[in-house]
Amino acid sequence: MKQPLILVAFATLAACSGGGGGQGNSTAPVALVSLGTATRESVAERRTLYGAVEKGAEAQYTLSAPAESVVGGVPAPVGTPVKRGQLVVRLRPSPGTNAQLLQARSEYQAASQALARAERLRGDGLASDADVESARKTAQGAQAMLRSLTSQTNGLALRAPGAGYVQSVAVNPGDLVSQGMTIATISRVGTLRARFGISPAVAGKLSSGTALMIRPSDGGPSFSAPILSVDQTVDPQTRLASVYVRVPPEQGLGPGQSLTATVPVTTASGAVTVPYDALLSDGGQPYVYVVKGEVAHRHDVTTGPAGGNRVAITQGVSADDKVVTAGGTGVEDGMKVRTK
């Protein structure tokens, strides 16, 4: 009576065994991806900088009073466009300056007469060479003083050293002004520059002559300008260093106008590059999936400069490798793939 039970047990085991074999033969998963190709090319990593137009240190002329004087007139008031040599402010000697000039003429005349007398006396044997030399030095000093005062009074017509427009006039007709006082300033034509803030670490990689691609923030046309200088002094407020470029006058920009610029900071020539979309990260370790024979293999990589939509790979990928550029987040190492 036990034999039928044994046969039933064997039949049950056979059925279970057959079910397991069916699961083992199920199809392996296949990921749907897009592929790109690793190629050799030059990549320039660019940084975006923000800045504004400002007046350069040489952006203006300063007209000063050469001697104490009185303002006679202001032919070119504030806002007047001027050419080189055009009269801006007219001065005339003050009473004090006229008195100094008269005194200098008198002292020079007296010193010249004393020199002539000393030379005559030496000829008569009544004066020494030292007496003549002392008189000569006195005459030369008086002559130098007279020439200086004469030159100062001859320069009382203050003219524009170059083309520009009158930015400020600090005096009015009839004012008494002292020697060296700033009378007017003239903004020069075409002397604007732009200053951009930049990370101190990046500033050390730049040098004069490197071209910046600049675009006005208001949407004006872009233009290229070379770096004039790099100032690595850190601004205590922004914690940034500074890069300066000259602004071409034909751009029509004015002081204070905001600008955006891009500059190459690192360049890799002839490097193996992959599309930026191929790059994945695992805990800070960048990697890509390289596809060979319809199978994706994870390759940990070392990256270099990135520019545009490509990034340089210094280790981990070879030229002409096929890399996953889309769908990589659903791929595992060794998984089969097919393209979209």
Protein backbone atom coordinates (compact mmCIF):
# COMPACT_ATOMS: atom_id res chain seq x y z
CA MET A 1 0.00 0.00 0.00
CA LYS A 2 3.05 2.36 0.44
CA GLN A 3 4.23 2.16 -3.21
CA PRO A 4 1.64 4.61 -4.63
CA LEU A 5 2.66 7.22 -2.01
CA ILE A 6 6.30 6.94 -3.05
CA LEU A 7 5.38 7.44 -6.71
CA VAL A 8 3.35 10.54 -5.83
CA ALA A 9 6.36 12.00 -3.94
CA PHE A 10 8.66 11.47 -6.92
CA ALA A 11 6.14 13.11 -9.21
CA THR A 12 5.92 16.15 -6.94
CA LEU A 13 9.72 16.53 -6.84
CA ALA A 14 9.91 16.27 -10.61
CA ALA A 15 7.33 19.01 -10.97
CA CYS A 16 9.22 21.31 -8.62
CA SER A 17 12.48 20.64 -10.44
CA GLY A 18 10.90 21.46 -13.79
CA GLY A 19 9.57 24.81 -12.47
CA GLY A 20 13.04 25.92 -11.26
CA GLY A 21 14.62 25.11 -14.63
CA GLY A 22 12.14 27.44 -16.33
CA GLN A 23 13.21 30.44 -14.17
CA GLY A 24 16.94 29.78 -14.79
CA ASN A 25 16.42 30.14 -18.55
CA SER A 26 14.77 33.66 -18.28
CA THR A 27 16.28 36.47 -20.52
CA ALA A 28 19.03 38.72 -18.95
CA PRO A 29 18.13 42.47 -18.69
CA VAL A 30 19.27 44.77 -21.51
CA ALA A 31 19.70 48.54 -20.99
CA LEU A 32 18.58 51.02 -23.65
CA VAL A 33 21.33 53.66 -24.07
CA SER A 34 22.83 56.28 -26.36
CA LEU A 35 26.50 56.15 -27.29
CA GLY A 36 29.21 58.69 -28.04
CA THR A 37 32.80 58.34 -29.18
CA ALA A 38 35.98 59.28 -27.33
CA THR A 39 38.06 61.50 -29.61
CA ARG A 40 41.34 63.39 -29.45
CA GLU A 41 41.00 67.17 -29.54
CA SER A 42 42.04 70.31 -27.71
CA VAL A 43 39.88 71.43 -24.81
CA ALA A 44 40.03 74.86 -23.16
CA GLU A 45 38.37 75.18 -19.79
CA ARG A 46 36.77 78.61 -19.52
CA ARG A 47 35.66 80.56 -16.46
CA THR A 48 32.94 83.18 -16.36
CA LEU A 49 33.92 86.51 -14.82
CA TYR A 50 31.79 89.46 -13.79
CA GLY A 51 32.89 93.08 -13.84
CA ALA A 52 32.18 96.63 -14.95
CA VAL A 53 33.58 99.47 -17.04
CA GLU A 54 35.62 102.06 -15.17
CA LYS A 55 37.95 104.91 -15.92
CA GLY A 56 41.60 103.98 -16.17
CA ALA A 57 44.31 105.68 -14.16
CA GLU A 58 45.29 107.56 -17.34
CA ALA A 59 41.68 108.37 -18.25
CA GLN A 60 41.84 112.09 -17.51
CA TYR A 61 44.03 115.15 -17.80
CA THR A 62 44.40 117.49 -14.85
CA LEU A 63 44.97 121.22 -15.39
CA SER A 64 46.65 122.99 -12.45
CA ALA A 65 47.60 126.59 -11.73
CA PRO A 66 51.33 127.05 -12.43
CA ALA A 67 51.47 130.05 -10.09
CA GLU A 68 49.23 132.03 -7.78
CA SER A 69 46.79 133.70 -10.12
CA VAL A 70 43.33 135.06 -10.70
CA VAL A 71 40.77 133.32 -12.92
CA GLY A 72 40.17 135.52 -15.93
CA GLY A 73 37.63 133.33 -17.72
CA VAL A 74 36.39 129.80 -18.49
CA PRO A 75 36.03 129.48 -22.28
CA ALA A 76 35.27 125.73 -22.01
CA PRO A 77 32.78 124.99 -19.21
CA VAL A 78 31.86 121.51 -17.95
CA GLY A 79 30.68 119.20 -20.73
CA THR A 80 32.48 121.00 -23.53
CA PRO A 81 34.22 118.70 -26.05
CA VAL A 82 37.76 119.94 -26.59
CA LYS A 83 40.61 119.29 -28.98
CA ARG A 84 44.31 119.19 -28.23
CA GLY A 85 45.57 122.72 -27.53
CA GLN A 86 42.10 124.23 -27.03
CA LEU A 87 41.89 126.89 -24.30
CA VAL A 88 39.94 125.69 -21.26
CA VAL A 89 40.62 128.25 -18.48
CA ARG A 90 42.33 131.64 -18.74
CA LEU A 91 44.36 132.86 -15.73
CA ARG A 92 46.23 136.09 -15.10
CA PRO A 93 48.98 136.75 -12.56
CA SER A 94 47.81 137.69 -9.09
CA PRO A 95 49.18 140.85 -7.45
CA GLY A 96 51.44 138.63 -5.37
CA THR A 97 52.82 136.86 -8.44
CA ASN A 98 53.41 140.18 -10.22
CA ALA A 99 55.32 141.40 -7.17
CA GLN A 100 57.47 138.25 -7.14
CA LEU A 101 58.18 138.70 -10.84
CA LEU A 102 59.24 142.32 -10.40
CA GLN A 103 61.45 141.37 -7.46
CA ALA A 104 63.06 138.52 -9.44
CA ARG A 105 63.85 140.90 -12.32
CA SER A 106 65.34 143.42 -9.94
CA GLU A 107 67.46 140.78 -8.17
CA TYR A 108 68.71 139.40 -11.47
CA GLN A 109 69.62 142.86 -12.70
CA ALA A 110 71.49 143.61 -9.47
CA ALA A 111 73.28 140.23 -9.54
CA SER A 112 74.33 140.77 -13.16
CA GLN A 113 75.74 144.19 -12.34
CA ALA A 114 77.60 142.75 -9.32
CA LEU A 115 79.12 140.05 -11.53
CA ALA A 116 80.28 142.61 -14.08
CA ARG A 117 81.79 144.73 -11.29
CA ALA A 118 83.63 141.73 -9.82
CA GLU A 119 85.11 140.88 -13.20
CA ARG A 120 86.35 144.47 -13.67
CA LEU A 121 87.88 144.51 -10.22
CA ARG A 122 89.63 141.22 -10.88
CA GLY A 123 91.08 142.78 -14.02
CA ASP A 124 92.43 145.62 -11.90
CA GLY A 125 93.78 143.15 -9.37
CA LEU A 126 91.30 144.26 -6.75
CA ALA A 127 89.17 141.06 -6.64
CA SER A 128 90.04 137.38 -6.56
CA ASP A 129 88.80 134.53 -8.71
CA ALA A 130 86.75 133.36 -5.72
CA ASP A 131 84.98 136.73 -5.60
CA VAL A 132 84.09 136.46 -9.27
CA GLU A 133 82.90 132.86 -8.90
CA SER A 134 80.68 133.81 -5.94
CA ALA A 135 79.14 136.69 -7.92
CA ARG A 136 78.60 134.41 -10.90
CA LYS A 137 76.73 131.83 -8.79
CA THR A 138 74.51 134.56 -7.33
CA ALA A 139 73.69 135.83 -10.82
CA GLN A 140 72.96 132.34 -12.08
CA GLY A 141 70.58 131.68 -9.17
CA ALA A 142 68.75 134.97 -9.77
CA GLN A 143 68.48 134.19 -13.47
CA ALA A 144 67.03 130.71 -12.75
CA MET A 145 64.41 132.22 -10.44
CA LEU A 146 63.43 134.80 -13.02
CA ARG A 147 63.14 132.17 -15.75
CA SER A 148 60.98 129.98 -13.51
CA LEU A 149 58.56 132.79 -12.65
CA THR A 150 58.43 133.94 -16.26
CA SER A 151 57.65 130.40 -17.42
CA GLN A 152 54.90 130.09 -14.84
CA THR A 153 53.24 133.32 -15.83
CA ASN A 154 53.53 132.43 -19.51
CA GLY A 155 51.61 129.19 -18.78
CA LEU A 156 48.51 130.82 -17.34
CA ALA A 157 46.47 129.95 -20.43
CA LEU A 158 45.41 126.41 -19.49
CA ARG A 159 44.89 124.32 -22.63
CA ALA A 160 43.72 120.75 -23.23
CA PRO A 161 46.71 118.36 -23.55
CA GLY A 162 44.58 116.05 -25.71
CA ALA A 163 41.11 115.42 -27.07
CA GLY A 164 38.27 114.77 -24.65
CA TYR A 165 35.55 116.65 -22.82
CA VAL A 166 35.69 118.94 -19.81
CA GLN A 167 34.67 116.85 -16.81
CA SER A 168 35.01 119.44 -14.04
CA VAL A 169 35.94 123.07 -13.44
CA ALA A 170 36.67 123.96 -9.83
CA VAL A 171 36.81 127.75 -10.18
CA ASN A 172 34.83 130.78 -11.29
CA PRO A 173 36.01 134.01 -12.93
CA GLY A 174 37.59 136.32 -10.39
CA ASP A 175 38.69 133.54 -8.00
CA LEU A 176 42.18 133.72 -6.52
CA VAL A 177 43.89 130.34 -6.90
CA SER A 178 47.12 129.12 -5.35
CA GLN A 179 50.03 127.52 -7.16
CA GLY A 180 49.40 123.80 -7.88
CA MET A 181 45.64 123.97 -7.30
CA THR A 182 43.57 121.76 -9.62
CA ILE A 183 41.59 124.06 -11.89
CA ALA A 184 39.89 121.61 -14.29
CA THR A 185 39.87 117.97 -15.36
CA ILE A 186 39.38 116.60 -18.86
CA SER A 187 38.17 113.07 -19.55
CA ARG A 188 40.23 111.58 -22.34
CA VAL A 189 38.66 109.91 -25.34
CA GLY A 190 39.02 106.13 -25.50
CA THR A 191 40.68 105.51 -22.14
CA LEU A 192 38.09 103.27 -20.46
CA ARG A 193 39.01 99.93 -18.98
CA ALA A 194 37.07 97.07 -17.40
CA ARG A 195 37.82 95.33 -14.13
CA PHE A 196 36.71 91.75 -13.50
CA GLY A 197 36.79 89.84 -10.24
CA ILE A 198 38.48 86.45 -10.34
CA SER A 199 39.45 83.71 -7.90
CA PRO A 200 43.02 84.27 -6.65
CA ALA A 201 43.86 80.65 -7.51
CA VAL A 202 42.75 81.17 -11.11
CA ALA A 203 44.34 84.63 -11.38
CA GLY A 204 47.76 83.03 -11.04
CA LYS A 205 47.14 81.07 -14.25
CA LEU A 206 46.49 84.18 -16.36
CA SER A 207 48.94 86.59 -17.95
CA SER A 208 48.88 89.81 -19.93
CA GLY A 209 47.73 89.32 -23.51
CA THR A 210 45.30 86.47 -22.84
CA ALA A 211 42.06 87.27 -24.67
CA LEU A 212 38.75 87.63 -22.84
CA MET A 213 35.45 87.28 -24.64
CA ILE A 214 33.33 90.07 -23.21
CA ARG A 215 29.61 90.71 -23.41
CA PRO A 216 27.71 93.71 -21.99
CA SER A 217 25.08 92.64 -19.49
CA ASP A 218 22.45 94.67 -21.31
CA GLY A 219 22.74 92.37 -24.31
CA GLY A 220 25.05 94.39 -26.55
CA PRO A 221 27.43 92.73 -29.05
CA SER A 222 30.28 90.62 -27.72
CA PHE A 223 33.90 91.64 -28.29
CA SER A 224 37.35 90.32 -27.55
CA ALA A 225 39.97 92.24 -25.55
CA PRO A 226 43.42 91.22 -24.26
CA ILE A 227 44.28 91.33 -20.57
CA LEU A 228 46.20 94.48 -19.64
CA SER A 229 47.23 93.31 -16.20
CA VAL A 230 46.39 90.87 -13.41
CA ASP A 231 46.29 92.22 -9.85
CA GLN A 232 46.44 89.32 -7.40
CA THR A 233 45.70 91.59 -4.43
CA VAL A 234 42.56 90.18 -2.79
CA ASP A 235 39.67 92.57 -2.19
CA PRO A 236 38.75 92.19 1.50
CA GLN A 237 35.02 92.39 0.70
CA THR A 238 34.69 90.18 -2.38
CA ARG A 239 37.72 87.95 -1.64
CA LEU A 240 38.56 88.18 -5.35
CA ALA A 241 41.61 89.30 -7.29
CA SER A 242 41.27 91.59 -10.34
CA VAL A 243 41.80 91.34 -14.09
CA TYR A 244 41.94 94.52 -16.20
CA VAL A 245 41.28 94.93 -19.93
CA ARG A 246 41.07 98.01 -22.14
CA VAL A 247 37.61 98.75 -23.53
CA PRO A 248 37.72 99.69 -27.24
CA PRO A 249 36.07 103.12 -27.73
CA GLU A 250 34.04 101.86 -30.68
CA GLN A 251 32.02 99.67 -28.31
CA GLY A 252 30.27 102.77 -27.02
CA LEU A 253 30.38 101.65 -23.37
CA GLY A 254 30.34 104.00 -20.39
CA PRO A 255 31.71 103.91 -16.84
CA GLY A 256 29.70 101.68 -14.50
CA GLN A 257 28.25 99.46 -17.22
CA SER A 258 28.15 95.80 -16.18
CA LEU A 259 30.01 93.17 -18.20
CA THR A 260 30.36 89.40 -18.33
CA ALA A 261 33.49 87.73 -19.66
CA THR A 262 34.82 84.24 -20.28
CA VAL A 263 38.50 83.36 -20.19
CA PRO A 264 40.40 80.11 -20.83
CA VAL A 265 42.21 79.04 -17.66
CA THR A 266 43.43 75.54 -18.57
CA THR A 267 44.03 74.04 -22.00
CA ALA A 268 44.60 70.39 -22.92
CA SER A 269 45.97 69.90 -26.43
CA GLY A 270 45.32 66.63 -28.23
CA ALA A 271 43.67 65.09 -25.18
CA VAL A 272 41.24 62.14 -25.22
CA THR A 273 37.82 63.68 -24.67
CA VAL A 274 34.32 62.32 -24.12
CA PRO A 275 30.94 64.04 -24.16
CA TYR A 276 30.26 65.65 -20.79
CA ASP A 277 27.02 63.65 -20.54
CA ALA A 278 29.05 60.42 -20.41
CA LEU A 279 30.59 61.36 -17.07
CA LEU A 280 29.04 59.75 -13.96
CA SER A 281 30.09 59.91 -10.31
CA ASP A 282 30.21 57.35 -7.54
CA GLY A 283 31.04 58.97 -4.20
CA GLY A 284 33.20 61.56 -5.91
CA GLN A 285 34.91 59.03 -8.20
CA PRO A 286 34.15 59.93 -11.83
CA TYR A 287 33.55 57.03 -14.21
CA VAL A 288 32.10 56.19 -17.60
CA TYR A 289 30.65 53.08 -19.21
CA VAL A 290 32.67 51.86 -22.17
CA VAL A 291 30.69 49.57 -24.48
CA LYS A 292 32.43 46.65 -26.22
CA GLY A 293 30.54 43.84 -27.89
CA GLU A 294 27.18 45.24 -26.68
CA VAL A 295 28.36 44.95 -23.05
CA ALA A 296 28.93 47.99 -20.82
CA HIS A 297 32.06 48.04 -18.68
CA ARG A 298 32.62 50.59 -15.94
CA HIS A 299 35.88 52.54 -16.28
CA ASP A 300 36.98 54.81 -13.44
CA VAL A 301 38.57 57.88 -15.02
CA THR A 302 40.70 60.91 -14.21
CA THR A 303 39.36 64.10 -15.72
CA GLY A 304 41.14 67.14 -17.13
CA PRO A 305 39.89 70.47 -18.44
CA ALA A 306 36.28 70.74 -19.58
CA GLY A 307 35.19 73.03 -22.37
CA GLY A 308 31.89 73.32 -24.17
CA ASN A 309 30.16 69.92 -24.06
CA ARG A 310 33.30 67.77 -23.78
CA VAL A 311 35.70 66.92 -20.98
CA ALA A 312 39.30 65.71 -21.24
CA ILE A 313 40.08 62.26 -19.81
CA THR A 314 43.68 61.79 -18.75
CA GLN A 315 43.27 58.17 -17.63
CA GLY A 316 40.69 55.44 -18.09
CA VAL A 317 39.50 55.86 -21.69
CA SER A 318 41.16 55.45 -25.06
CA ALA A 319 40.47 57.27 -28.30
CA ASP A 320 37.65 55.70 -30.37
CA ASP A 321 36.08 54.00 -27.32
CA LYS A 322 32.29 53.98 -27.36
CA VAL A 323 30.88 55.48 -24.18
CA VAL A 324 27.35 55.64 -22.81
CA THR A 325 26.02 59.20 -23.00
CA ALA A 326 22.36 58.60 -22.05
CA GLY A 327 20.76 55.92 -19.92
CA GLY A 328 23.93 55.33 -17.91
CA THR A 329 22.17 55.63 -14.55
CA GLY A 330 20.28 52.42 -15.32
CA VAL A 331 23.39 50.48 -16.36
CA GLU A 332 25.51 48.16 -14.22
CA ASP A 333 29.01 46.87 -14.89
CA GLY A 334 28.83 43.94 -17.32
CA MET A 335 25.24 44.62 -18.39
CA LYS A 336 24.20 44.15 -21.99
CA VAL A 337 23.06 47.30 -23.79
CA ARG A 338 21.39 48.26 -27.01
CA THR A 339 21.21 51.69 -28.56
CA LYS A 340 18.14 53.82 -28.82
